[in-house]
Amino acid sequence: MAGILNIQFTPKAGDKQANLEQVETLISGYCDKNLDLVIIPEFFSTSIDDKSMVNHPEDENGGMVTDFLKTVAKRYNTNIICGSVMEKVDDKLYNTSFVLDRDGEIVGKYRKIHLFNYFGGNEGTYTTAGDKPLVVGLDFARVGVSLCFDIKFPLLYKELIKRGAEIIVSPSAWSIPKSVSNKEKEIFINTWKAMNICRATESLVYFVTSNLTGRTNPFLDSIGNSMITGPMGEVISNLENKEAADFVDLDMSVIYDLKHKVPVAMID
């Protein structure tokens, strides 16, 4: 079994310390559980605040964000997918997710490959795209890492399962303009749910999205619906629009059995 804690909340724009403390508060509520992995949303430490992210980036080791979460990982004896931060290296900015093990060591770093430059998005104007997919061998499973808009690109996930991913995570800040109608919002949410199910079933993995929720920018609402989806398309958990964490025990033998019966990673 794998104990997964999925986190969803509305961060305070530009207040990294408050957002980090909120994450620990949510984790502490599950300290009696077998925490194998905690997943935190994209841009959780700054919210979707271009000015804050660009003007106050972290260094190549994740700065104050990973320093704080290293202590949390050790305190609660868990691996952590550290959402994402704006990482500055040699005058370039990357949207980067760090992976910490139970000892608080950085064991992986993923720079977002597919930047959101559409429907008014401008991520590529200040962020450099990464080019290296990431699968990390943690002490309970092999975990593939993606970020938000990556979910639109199934060939990335094909590469992750070729590298042995059994769980794939996607910290996200999936959002819509606050001005959209309720009908349009429903369509956006249904599309998001469908992509979660597709990525899980085509890859035969547990697929985990940790999304922001609520007003995360003066012009944007993040849609929440952080999900844990099983390899047969079953929605195991959905936080909908709540600020909360949800703990699920995942039976990893299901993945091992399916991958033996249907070797999707080997099929072109």
Protein backbone atom coordinates (compact mmCIF):
# COMPACT_ATOMS: atom_id res chain seq x y z
CA MET A 1 0.00 0.00 0.00
CA ALA A 2 1.03 3.63 -0.58
CA GLY A 3 -0.25 6.39 1.70
CA ILE A 4 -0.85 9.51 -0.42
CA LEU A 5 -1.80 12.92 0.97
CA ASN A 6 -3.10 15.34 -1.65
CA ILE A 7 -3.27 19.04 -0.72
CA GLN A 8 -5.47 21.82 -2.13
CA PHE A 9 -5.78 25.39 -0.86
CA THR A 10 -5.88 29.09 -1.78
CA PRO A 11 -2.44 30.61 -1.12
CA LYS A 12 -1.93 34.21 -0.05
CA ALA A 13 -0.29 36.14 -2.88
CA GLY A 14 3.34 36.87 -2.12
CA ASP A 15 3.28 35.55 1.48
CA LYS A 16 5.55 32.53 1.28
CA GLN A 17 5.84 32.01 5.03
CA ALA A 18 2.08 31.94 5.58
CA ASN A 19 1.61 29.53 2.68
CA LEU A 20 4.34 27.21 3.92
CA GLU A 21 2.80 27.19 7.39
CA GLN A 22 -0.61 26.40 5.86
CA VAL A 23 0.90 23.37 4.13
CA GLU A 24 2.39 22.09 7.37
CA THR A 25 -0.92 22.62 9.17
CA LEU A 26 -2.68 20.48 6.57
CA ILE A 27 -0.02 17.77 6.80
CA SER A 28 -0.07 17.76 10.61
CA GLY A 29 -3.73 16.75 10.57
CA TYR A 30 -2.64 13.39 9.13
CA CYS A 31 0.40 12.73 11.31
CA ASP A 32 -1.23 9.49 12.53
CA LYS A 33 -1.26 8.11 8.98
CA ASN A 34 1.39 6.24 7.04
CA LEU A 35 2.49 9.17 4.88
CA ASP A 36 4.45 7.89 1.91
CA LEU A 37 3.96 10.93 -0.30
CA VAL A 38 2.58 14.46 0.05
CA ILE A 39 1.72 16.42 -3.11
CA ILE A 40 1.43 20.24 -3.02
CA PRO A 41 0.03 22.50 -5.80
CA GLU A 42 1.96 24.47 -8.40
CA PHE A 43 2.86 28.02 -7.26
CA PHE A 44 1.56 27.23 -3.78
CA SER A 45 4.09 29.51 -2.07
CA THR A 46 3.30 32.65 -4.07
CA SER A 47 -0.12 32.09 -5.66
CA ILE A 48 -0.41 33.00 -9.36
CA ASP A 49 1.34 36.30 -8.86
CA ASP A 50 3.70 37.03 -11.76
CA LYS A 51 5.38 39.94 -9.97
CA SER A 52 6.07 38.00 -6.79
CA MET A 53 7.28 34.91 -8.63
CA VAL A 54 9.59 36.78 -10.98
CA ASN A 55 10.97 39.31 -8.51
CA HIS A 56 11.49 36.85 -5.66
CA PRO A 57 12.57 33.53 -7.21
CA GLU A 58 14.28 30.68 -5.39
CA ASP A 59 17.81 29.47 -6.07
CA GLU A 60 18.74 26.21 -7.80
CA ASN A 61 18.18 24.32 -4.54
CA GLY A 62 14.69 25.71 -3.96
CA GLY A 63 15.58 28.42 -1.45
CA MET A 64 13.38 29.03 1.59
CA VAL A 65 10.61 26.83 0.19
CA THR A 66 12.60 23.61 0.10
CA ASP A 67 14.47 24.56 3.30
CA PHE A 68 11.13 24.68 5.12
CA LEU A 69 9.78 21.53 3.49
CA LYS A 70 12.97 19.56 4.20
CA THR A 71 12.20 19.98 7.90
CA VAL A 72 8.58 18.99 7.31
CA ALA A 73 9.61 15.85 5.41
CA LYS A 74 11.79 14.72 8.29
CA ARG A 75 9.24 15.71 10.96
CA TYR A 76 6.43 13.69 9.37
CA ASN A 77 8.63 10.97 7.85
CA THR A 78 7.30 11.48 4.33
CA ASN A 79 8.40 12.08 0.77
CA ILE A 80 7.17 15.40 -0.65
CA ILE A 81 6.50 16.71 -4.15
CA CYS A 82 7.15 20.39 -3.42
CA GLY A 83 4.55 21.85 -5.77
CA SER A 84 6.53 24.26 -7.89
CA VAL A 85 8.60 27.38 -7.41
CA MET A 86 10.16 29.89 -9.75
CA GLU A 87 13.80 28.80 -9.87
CA LYS A 88 16.50 31.22 -11.06
CA VAL A 89 19.69 29.80 -12.61
CA ASP A 90 22.14 31.88 -14.68
CA ASP A 91 19.57 34.63 -15.29
CA LYS A 92 16.99 32.11 -16.51
CA LEU A 93 13.74 31.35 -14.69
CA TYR A 94 12.24 27.86 -14.60
CA ASN A 95 8.95 26.60 -13.18
CA THR A 96 10.43 23.82 -11.07
CA SER A 97 9.15 21.04 -8.86
CA PHE A 98 11.54 19.58 -6.28
CA VAL A 99 11.19 16.06 -4.88
CA LEU A 100 12.24 15.44 -1.28
CA ASP A 101 12.72 12.08 0.40
CA ARG A 102 11.95 11.27 4.05
CA ASP A 103 15.38 12.53 5.10
CA GLY A 104 14.67 15.93 3.55
CA GLU A 105 17.14 15.33 0.73
CA ILE A 106 16.46 16.63 -2.79
CA VAL A 107 16.26 13.46 -4.91
CA GLY A 108 14.76 14.96 -8.05
CA LYS A 109 14.02 18.22 -9.82
CA TYR A 110 11.61 18.69 -12.72
CA ARG A 111 11.47 21.84 -14.84
CA LYS A 112 8.11 22.28 -16.56
CA ILE A 113 8.37 21.36 -20.23
CA HIS A 114 5.05 22.65 -21.62
CA LEU A 115 4.55 26.30 -20.71
CA PHE A 116 1.10 27.90 -20.79
CA ASN A 117 1.16 30.53 -23.55
CA TYR A 118 -2.43 30.28 -24.74
CA PHE A 119 -5.84 31.85 -24.03
CA GLY A 120 -4.10 34.87 -22.53
CA GLY A 121 -1.43 32.90 -20.68
CA ASN A 122 2.11 34.31 -20.85
CA GLU A 123 4.22 31.83 -18.90
CA GLY A 124 6.74 31.55 -21.72
CA THR A 125 7.49 35.29 -21.69
CA TYR A 126 9.37 35.02 -18.41
CA THR A 127 9.99 31.28 -17.99
CA THR A 128 12.37 28.97 -19.83
CA ALA A 129 10.99 25.54 -20.69
CA GLY A 130 12.65 22.45 -19.29
CA ASP A 131 13.53 19.49 -21.48
CA LYS A 132 14.08 16.53 -19.13
CA PRO A 133 11.24 14.22 -18.03
CA LEU A 134 11.59 12.95 -14.46
CA VAL A 135 10.82 9.65 -12.75
CA VAL A 136 12.13 9.25 -9.21
CA GLY A 137 12.59 5.94 -7.43
CA LEU A 138 11.25 6.60 -3.94
CA ASP A 139 11.16 4.03 -1.16
CA PHE A 140 7.59 2.92 -1.93
CA ALA A 141 7.14 3.44 -5.71
CA ARG A 142 8.53 4.97 -8.86
CA VAL A 143 6.95 8.42 -9.23
CA GLY A 144 6.78 10.47 -12.43
CA VAL A 145 6.47 14.27 -12.15
CA SER A 146 4.65 16.70 -14.42
CA LEU A 147 3.23 20.20 -13.96
CA CYS A 148 -0.19 21.65 -14.84
CA PHE A 149 -0.33 22.31 -18.62
CA ASP A 150 1.78 19.19 -19.21
CA ILE A 151 -1.48 17.27 -18.73
CA LYS A 152 -2.42 18.21 -22.31
CA PHE A 153 0.51 16.27 -23.78
CA PRO A 154 0.13 12.47 -23.53
CA LEU A 155 3.49 11.72 -25.14
CA LEU A 156 5.20 13.08 -22.02
CA TYR A 157 3.32 10.51 -19.93
CA LYS A 158 4.27 7.78 -22.41
CA GLU A 159 7.89 8.65 -21.68
CA LEU A 160 7.29 8.56 -17.93
CA ILE A 161 5.83 5.05 -18.02
CA LYS A 162 8.66 3.92 -20.27
CA ARG A 163 10.91 5.01 -17.42
CA GLY A 164 8.90 2.89 -15.01
CA ALA A 165 6.48 5.35 -13.41
CA GLU A 166 3.83 3.65 -11.25
CA ILE A 167 2.35 6.86 -9.85
CA ILE A 168 2.36 10.13 -11.81
CA VAL A 169 1.76 13.45 -10.08
CA SER A 170 0.88 16.85 -11.51
CA PRO A 171 1.00 19.86 -9.18
CA SER A 172 -1.22 22.41 -10.89
CA ALA A 173 -2.64 25.92 -10.89
CA TRP A 174 -5.39 25.20 -13.43
CA SER A 175 -7.45 28.38 -13.60
CA ILE A 176 -10.08 30.28 -15.55
CA PRO A 177 -10.89 33.99 -15.91
CA LYS A 178 -13.15 35.11 -13.08
CA SER A 179 -15.51 36.60 -15.68
CA VAL A 180 -16.56 33.30 -17.28
CA SER A 181 -20.16 32.13 -16.99
CA ASN A 182 -21.19 29.23 -14.78
CA LYS A 183 -21.76 27.15 -17.91
CA GLU A 184 -18.25 27.86 -19.19
CA LYS A 185 -16.81 27.04 -15.77
CA GLU A 186 -18.64 23.71 -15.78
CA ILE A 187 -17.13 22.90 -19.18
CA PHE A 188 -13.61 23.77 -17.97
CA ILE A 189 -14.02 21.56 -14.89
CA ASN A 190 -15.43 18.64 -16.86
CA THR A 191 -12.53 18.89 -19.32
CA TRP A 192 -10.08 18.87 -16.43
CA LYS A 193 -11.71 15.78 -14.92
CA ALA A 194 -11.64 14.01 -18.28
CA MET A 195 -7.91 14.68 -18.71
CA ASN A 196 -7.20 13.24 -15.27
CA ILE A 197 -9.05 10.07 -16.20
CA CYS A 198 -7.36 9.83 -19.61
CA ARG A 199 -3.83 10.22 -18.25
CA ALA A 200 -4.46 7.54 -15.60
CA THR A 201 -6.07 4.97 -17.88
CA GLU A 202 -3.77 5.31 -20.89
CA SER A 203 -0.72 4.96 -18.64
CA LEU A 204 -2.14 2.38 -16.19
CA VAL A 205 -0.94 4.38 -13.19
CA TYR A 206 -2.39 6.22 -10.24
CA PHE A 207 -2.60 9.83 -11.41
CA VAL A 208 -2.59 12.61 -8.80
CA THR A 209 -3.30 16.28 -9.47
CA SER A 210 -2.84 18.78 -6.65
CA ASN A 211 -4.48 22.01 -7.77
CA LEU A 212 -5.03 25.48 -6.35
CA THR A 213 -8.57 26.61 -5.58
CA GLY A 214 -10.35 29.94 -5.19
CA ARG A 215 -9.27 33.45 -6.25
CA THR A 216 -5.55 33.06 -6.89
CA ASN A 217 -5.02 36.21 -8.93
CA PRO A 218 -7.13 39.38 -9.26
CA PHE A 219 -8.36 38.07 -12.62
CA LEU A 220 -8.32 34.30 -12.11
CA ASP A 221 -10.15 31.61 -10.21
CA SER A 222 -8.40 28.27 -9.80
CA ILE A 223 -10.83 25.42 -10.28
CA GLY A 224 -9.72 23.03 -7.53
CA ASN A 225 -10.85 19.46 -8.24
CA SER A 226 -7.55 17.99 -7.09
CA MET A 227 -7.96 14.34 -7.95
CA ILE A 228 -6.53 10.89 -7.35
CA THR A 229 -7.54 8.67 -10.25
CA GLY A 230 -6.97 4.94 -10.58
CA PRO A 231 -5.66 3.04 -13.61
CA MET A 232 -9.14 1.90 -14.68
CA GLY A 233 -10.44 5.47 -14.64
CA GLU A 234 -11.98 5.32 -11.18
CA VAL A 235 -12.01 8.67 -9.36
CA ILE A 236 -10.74 7.68 -5.93
CA SER A 237 -10.67 11.20 -4.49
CA ASN A 238 -11.77 14.68 -5.55
CA LEU A 239 -11.38 17.70 -3.26
CA GLU A 240 -13.76 19.74 -5.46
CA ASN A 241 -13.45 23.37 -4.27
CA LYS A 242 -12.46 22.76 -0.63
CA GLU A 243 -9.30 24.00 1.06
CA ALA A 244 -8.25 20.69 2.52
CA ALA A 245 -6.05 17.64 2.30
CA ASP A 246 -7.22 14.12 1.51
CA PHE A 247 -5.44 10.91 2.51
CA VAL A 248 -5.80 7.74 0.46
CA ASP A 249 -4.15 4.33 0.74
CA LEU A 250 -3.38 3.08 -2.76
CA ASP A 251 -2.96 -0.62 -3.50
CA MET A 252 0.21 -0.73 -5.61
CA SER A 253 -0.28 -4.42 -6.45
CA VAL A 254 -3.05 -3.29 -8.82
CA ILE A 255 -0.48 -1.36 -10.87
CA TYR A 256 2.05 -4.20 -10.89
CA ASP A 257 -0.61 -6.66 -12.07
CA LEU A 258 -1.95 -4.40 -14.83
CA LYS A 259 1.48 -3.52 -16.15
CA HIS A 260 2.26 -7.24 -16.39
CA LYS A 261 -1.00 -8.00 -18.22
CA VAL A 262 -1.02 -4.92 -20.49
CA PRO A 263 2.55 -3.67 -21.10
CA VAL A 264 1.46 -0.23 -22.33
CA ALA A 265 4.96 1.21 -21.94
CA MET A 266 6.21 -1.21 -24.61
CA ILE A 267 3.36 -0.73 -27.09
CA ASP A 268 3.81 1.92 -29.80
